[in-house]
Amino acid sequence: MRERNYAKQQVMVIYEKLADDNVLYQRFGMLENKYLSDRERLEANSEAIVYMEHQRLANCPLCGSEIIEQDDVDLEVIVQANIAEI
């Protein structure tokens, strides 16, 4: 009888560990999705900056308004920050 109770306890311990591992696995999956989303956002941001650098005389592709260059924004710094974060 003792052996049977001990075996039951061991099975319960294993099930608890499996449940904990499953929760961690799901959390890492969500974290991976978040990192991939962030990476895509940063890459899109860098692409937009490259587009703006090459199309300084063009209008905004989204709204059609004139793109006004601002001296206080250093696009290269933004690109380098994106690369560092990726």
N, C-alpha and C. Protein backbone atom coordinates (compact mmCIF):
# COMPACT_ATOMS: atom_id res chain seq x y z
N MET A 1 0.81 -1.19 0.00
CA MET A 1 0.00 0.00 0.00
C MET A 1 0.86 1.26 0.00
N ARG A 2 1.92 1.24 0.79
CA ARG A 2 2.83 2.39 0.83
C ARG A 2 3.47 2.62 -0.53
N GLU A 3 3.87 1.55 -1.17
CA GLU A 3 4.49 1.68 -2.49
C GLU A 3 3.53 2.31 -3.49
N ARG A 4 2.28 1.93 -3.39
CA ARG A 4 1.27 2.46 -4.30
C ARG A 4 1.06 3.96 -4.04
N ASN A 5 1.00 4.36 -2.80
CA ASN A 5 0.85 5.78 -2.46
C ASN A 5 2.08 6.57 -2.91
N TYR A 6 3.24 5.99 -2.71
CA TYR A 6 4.47 6.64 -3.15
C TYR A 6 4.46 6.82 -4.67
N ALA A 7 4.04 5.78 -5.38
CA ALA A 7 3.97 5.86 -6.84
C ALA A 7 2.98 6.94 -7.27
N LYS A 8 1.84 7.04 -6.61
CA LYS A 8 0.85 8.07 -6.93
C LYS A 8 1.44 9.47 -6.71
N GLN A 9 2.16 9.63 -5.62
CA GLN A 9 2.78 10.91 -5.33
C GLN A 9 3.80 11.28 -6.41
N GLN A 10 4.57 10.31 -6.83
CA GLN A 10 5.57 10.56 -7.86
C GLN A 10 4.90 10.95 -9.18
N VAL A 11 3.80 10.27 -9.50
CA VAL A 11 3.05 10.60 -10.72
C VAL A 11 2.52 12.03 -10.64
N MET A 12 2.00 12.43 -9.49
CA MET A 12 1.48 13.78 -9.31
C MET A 12 2.59 14.82 -9.45
N VAL A 13 3.76 14.51 -8.90
CA VAL A 13 4.90 15.42 -9.02
C VAL A 13 5.28 15.60 -10.49
N ILE A 14 5.29 14.50 -11.22
CA ILE A 14 5.64 14.56 -12.64
C ILE A 14 4.60 15.37 -13.41
N TYR A 15 3.31 15.16 -13.13
CA TYR A 15 2.26 15.92 -13.80
C TYR A 15 2.37 17.42 -13.49
N GLU A 16 2.72 17.75 -12.27
CA GLU A 16 2.88 19.16 -11.91
C GLU A 16 4.06 19.78 -12.65
N LYS A 17 5.15 19.03 -12.75
CA LYS A 17 6.31 19.53 -13.49
C LYS A 17 5.96 19.71 -14.97
N LEU A 18 5.23 18.77 -15.54
CA LEU A 18 4.81 18.89 -16.94
C LEU A 18 3.92 20.11 -17.14
N ALA A 19 3.01 20.34 -16.21
CA ALA A 19 2.13 21.51 -16.31
C ALA A 19 2.94 22.80 -16.23
N ASP A 20 3.90 22.86 -15.33
CA ASP A 20 4.76 24.04 -15.21
C ASP A 20 5.57 24.25 -16.49
N ASP A 21 6.12 23.16 -17.01
CA ASP A 21 6.90 23.25 -18.25
C ASP A 21 6.03 23.72 -19.41
N ASN A 22 4.79 23.27 -19.45
CA ASN A 22 3.89 23.67 -20.51
C ASN A 22 3.59 25.17 -20.44
N VAL A 23 3.40 25.68 -19.24
CA VAL A 23 3.17 27.11 -19.06
C VAL A 23 4.39 27.90 -19.55
N LEU A 24 5.58 27.46 -19.16
CA LEU A 24 6.80 28.14 -19.60
C LEU A 24 6.96 28.09 -21.12
N TYR A 25 6.65 26.96 -21.70
CA TYR A 25 6.74 26.80 -23.15
C TYR A 25 5.80 27.79 -23.84
N GLN A 26 4.59 27.92 -23.35
CA GLN A 26 3.63 28.87 -23.93
C GLN A 26 4.11 30.31 -23.77
N ARG A 27 4.67 30.61 -22.61
CA ARG A 27 5.17 31.98 -22.38
C ARG A 27 6.33 32.31 -23.31
N PHE A 28 7.23 31.36 -23.51
CA PHE A 28 8.34 31.59 -24.43
C PHE A 28 7.83 31.76 -25.86
N GLY A 29 6.78 31.06 -26.21
CA GLY A 29 6.18 31.23 -27.53
C GLY A 29 5.61 32.63 -27.70
N MET A 30 4.93 33.13 -26.68
CA MET A 30 4.39 34.50 -26.73
C MET A 30 5.52 35.52 -26.80
N LEU A 31 6.59 35.28 -26.05
CA LEU A 31 7.73 36.18 -26.06
C LEU A 31 8.40 36.19 -27.43
N GLU A 32 8.53 35.02 -28.04
CA GLU A 32 9.10 34.94 -29.38
C GLU A 32 8.26 35.75 -30.37
N ASN A 33 6.94 35.61 -30.29
CA ASN A 33 6.06 36.37 -31.18
C ASN A 33 6.23 37.87 -30.98
N LYS A 34 6.39 38.29 -29.74
CA LYS A 34 6.59 39.71 -29.44
C LYS A 34 7.91 40.20 -30.04
N TYR A 35 8.98 39.41 -29.88
CA TYR A 35 10.27 39.79 -30.44
C TYR A 35 10.22 39.86 -31.96
N LEU A 36 9.55 38.90 -32.59
CA LEU A 36 9.43 38.93 -34.05
C LEU A 36 8.64 40.14 -34.52
N SER A 37 7.59 40.48 -33.80
CA SER A 37 6.79 41.67 -34.13
C SER A 37 7.63 42.93 -33.99
N ASP A 38 8.40 43.02 -32.91
CA ASP A 38 9.27 44.18 -32.70
C ASP A 38 10.31 44.28 -33.81
N ARG A 39 10.86 43.15 -34.19
CA ARG A 39 11.88 43.15 -35.25
C ARG A 39 11.29 43.62 -36.57
N GLU A 40 10.10 43.14 -36.90
CA GLU A 40 9.43 43.57 -38.13
C GLU A 40 9.16 45.08 -38.10
N ARG A 41 8.74 45.58 -36.96
CA ARG A 41 8.48 47.02 -36.82
C ARG A 41 9.75 47.84 -37.03
N LEU A 42 10.84 47.39 -36.42
CA LEU A 42 12.10 48.12 -36.55
C LEU A 42 12.62 48.06 -37.99
N GLU A 43 12.48 46.90 -38.63
CA GLU A 43 12.92 46.79 -40.02
C GLU A 43 12.08 47.68 -40.93
N ALA A 44 10.77 47.74 -40.68
CA ALA A 44 9.89 48.62 -41.47
C ALA A 44 10.26 50.08 -41.25
N ASN A 45 10.60 50.43 -40.03
CA ASN A 45 11.02 51.78 -39.70
C ASN A 45 12.28 52.15 -40.46
N SER A 46 13.24 51.24 -40.48
CA SER A 46 14.49 51.49 -41.21
C SER A 46 14.23 51.60 -42.71
N GLU A 47 13.36 50.75 -43.23
CA GLU A 47 13.01 50.82 -44.66
C GLU A 47 12.39 52.16 -44.99
N ALA A 48 11.51 52.64 -44.14
CA ALA A 48 10.86 53.93 -44.37
C ALA A 48 11.88 55.05 -44.40
N ILE A 49 12.86 54.99 -43.53
CA ILE A 49 13.89 56.03 -43.50
C ILE A 49 14.72 56.00 -44.78
N VAL A 50 15.09 54.81 -45.22
CA VAL A 50 15.85 54.69 -46.48
C VAL A 50 15.02 55.25 -47.63
N TYR A 51 13.73 54.93 -47.64
CA TYR A 51 12.84 55.46 -48.68
C TYR A 51 12.82 56.98 -48.63
N MET A 52 12.71 57.53 -47.43
CA MET A 52 12.66 58.99 -47.30
C MET A 52 13.97 59.63 -47.75
N GLU A 53 15.09 58.99 -47.47
CA GLU A 53 16.37 59.55 -47.88
C GLU A 53 16.50 59.58 -49.40
N HIS A 54 15.93 58.58 -50.08
CA HIS A 54 16.03 58.51 -51.54
C HIS A 54 14.91 59.28 -52.24
N GLN A 55 13.88 59.60 -51.55
CA GLN A 55 12.73 60.27 -52.15
C GLN A 55 12.48 61.63 -51.52
N ARG A 56 13.51 62.39 -51.30
CA ARG A 56 13.35 63.66 -50.59
C ARG A 56 12.39 64.62 -51.31
N LEU A 57 12.27 64.51 -52.60
CA LEU A 57 11.40 65.41 -53.35
C LEU A 57 10.01 64.84 -53.54
N ALA A 58 9.79 63.62 -53.11
CA ALA A 58 8.49 62.97 -53.30
C ALA A 58 7.53 63.33 -52.18
N ASN A 59 6.26 63.10 -52.45
CA ASN A 59 5.23 63.30 -51.43
C ASN A 59 5.07 62.04 -50.60
N CYS A 60 4.39 62.17 -49.48
CA CYS A 60 4.15 61.04 -48.59
C CYS A 60 3.34 59.98 -49.33
N PRO A 61 3.80 58.72 -49.31
CA PRO A 61 3.07 57.67 -50.03
C PRO A 61 1.72 57.33 -49.39
N LEU A 62 1.52 57.72 -48.14
CA LEU A 62 0.27 57.41 -47.46
C LEU A 62 -0.79 58.49 -47.65
N CYS A 63 -0.41 59.75 -47.44
CA CYS A 63 -1.42 60.82 -47.48
C CYS A 63 -1.24 61.77 -48.65
N GLY A 64 -0.08 61.71 -49.33
CA GLY A 64 0.14 62.57 -50.49
C GLY A 64 0.65 63.96 -50.17
N SER A 65 0.81 64.28 -48.90
CA SER A 65 1.29 65.61 -48.54
C SER A 65 2.80 65.70 -48.74
N GLU A 66 3.27 66.92 -48.84
CA GLU A 66 4.69 67.15 -49.04
C GLU A 66 5.47 66.76 -47.79
N ILE A 67 6.57 66.08 -47.99
CA ILE A 67 7.42 65.69 -46.86
C ILE A 67 8.34 66.87 -46.55
N ILE A 68 8.19 67.38 -45.37
CA ILE A 68 8.98 68.54 -44.95
C ILE A 68 10.18 68.03 -44.16
N GLU A 69 11.37 68.36 -44.62
CA GLU A 69 12.58 67.92 -43.94
C GLU A 69 12.78 68.73 -42.67
N GLN A 70 13.08 68.05 -41.60
CA GLN A 70 13.31 68.71 -40.33
C GLN A 70 14.77 68.55 -39.94
N ASP A 71 15.38 69.64 -39.59
CA ASP A 71 16.80 69.62 -39.25
C ASP A 71 17.08 68.95 -37.92
N ASP A 72 16.10 68.92 -37.03
CA ASP A 72 16.33 68.37 -35.70
C ASP A 72 16.19 66.85 -35.64
N VAL A 73 15.90 66.23 -36.78
CA VAL A 73 15.76 64.77 -36.82
C VAL A 73 16.93 64.20 -37.63
N ASP A 74 17.75 63.42 -36.98
CA ASP A 74 18.88 62.79 -37.66
C ASP A 74 18.48 61.36 -38.01
N LEU A 75 18.15 61.14 -39.28
CA LEU A 75 17.67 59.83 -39.71
C LEU A 75 18.70 58.74 -39.52
N GLU A 76 19.97 59.08 -39.67
CA GLU A 76 21.03 58.07 -39.51
C GLU A 76 21.08 57.55 -38.08
N VAL A 77 20.84 58.43 -37.13
CA VAL A 77 20.83 58.01 -35.72
C VAL A 77 19.68 57.02 -35.49
N ILE A 78 18.53 57.29 -36.10
CA ILE A 78 17.38 56.38 -35.96
C ILE A 78 17.69 55.02 -36.58
N VAL A 79 18.30 55.03 -37.77
CA VAL A 79 18.67 53.77 -38.43
C VAL A 79 19.65 52.98 -37.56
N GLN A 80 20.67 53.66 -37.03
CA GLN A 80 21.66 52.97 -36.20
C GLN A 80 21.01 52.42 -34.91
N ALA A 81 20.07 53.16 -34.36
CA ALA A 81 19.37 52.68 -33.16
C ALA A 81 18.54 51.44 -33.48
N ASN A 82 17.88 51.45 -34.63
CA ASN A 82 17.10 50.29 -35.07
C ASN A 82 18.00 49.07 -35.25
N ILE A 83 19.13 49.27 -35.90
CA ILE A 83 20.06 48.16 -36.14
C ILE A 83 20.57 47.61 -34.81
N ALA A 84 20.90 48.50 -33.89
CA ALA A 84 21.40 48.05 -32.59
C ALA A 84 20.34 47.27 -31.84
N GLU A 85 19.08 47.67 -31.96
CA GLU A 85 18.02 47.00 -31.23
C GLU A 85 17.68 45.64 -31.86
N ILE A 86 17.83 45.57 -33.18
CA ILE A 86 17.55 44.29 -33.85
C ILE A 86 18.62 43.30 -33.47
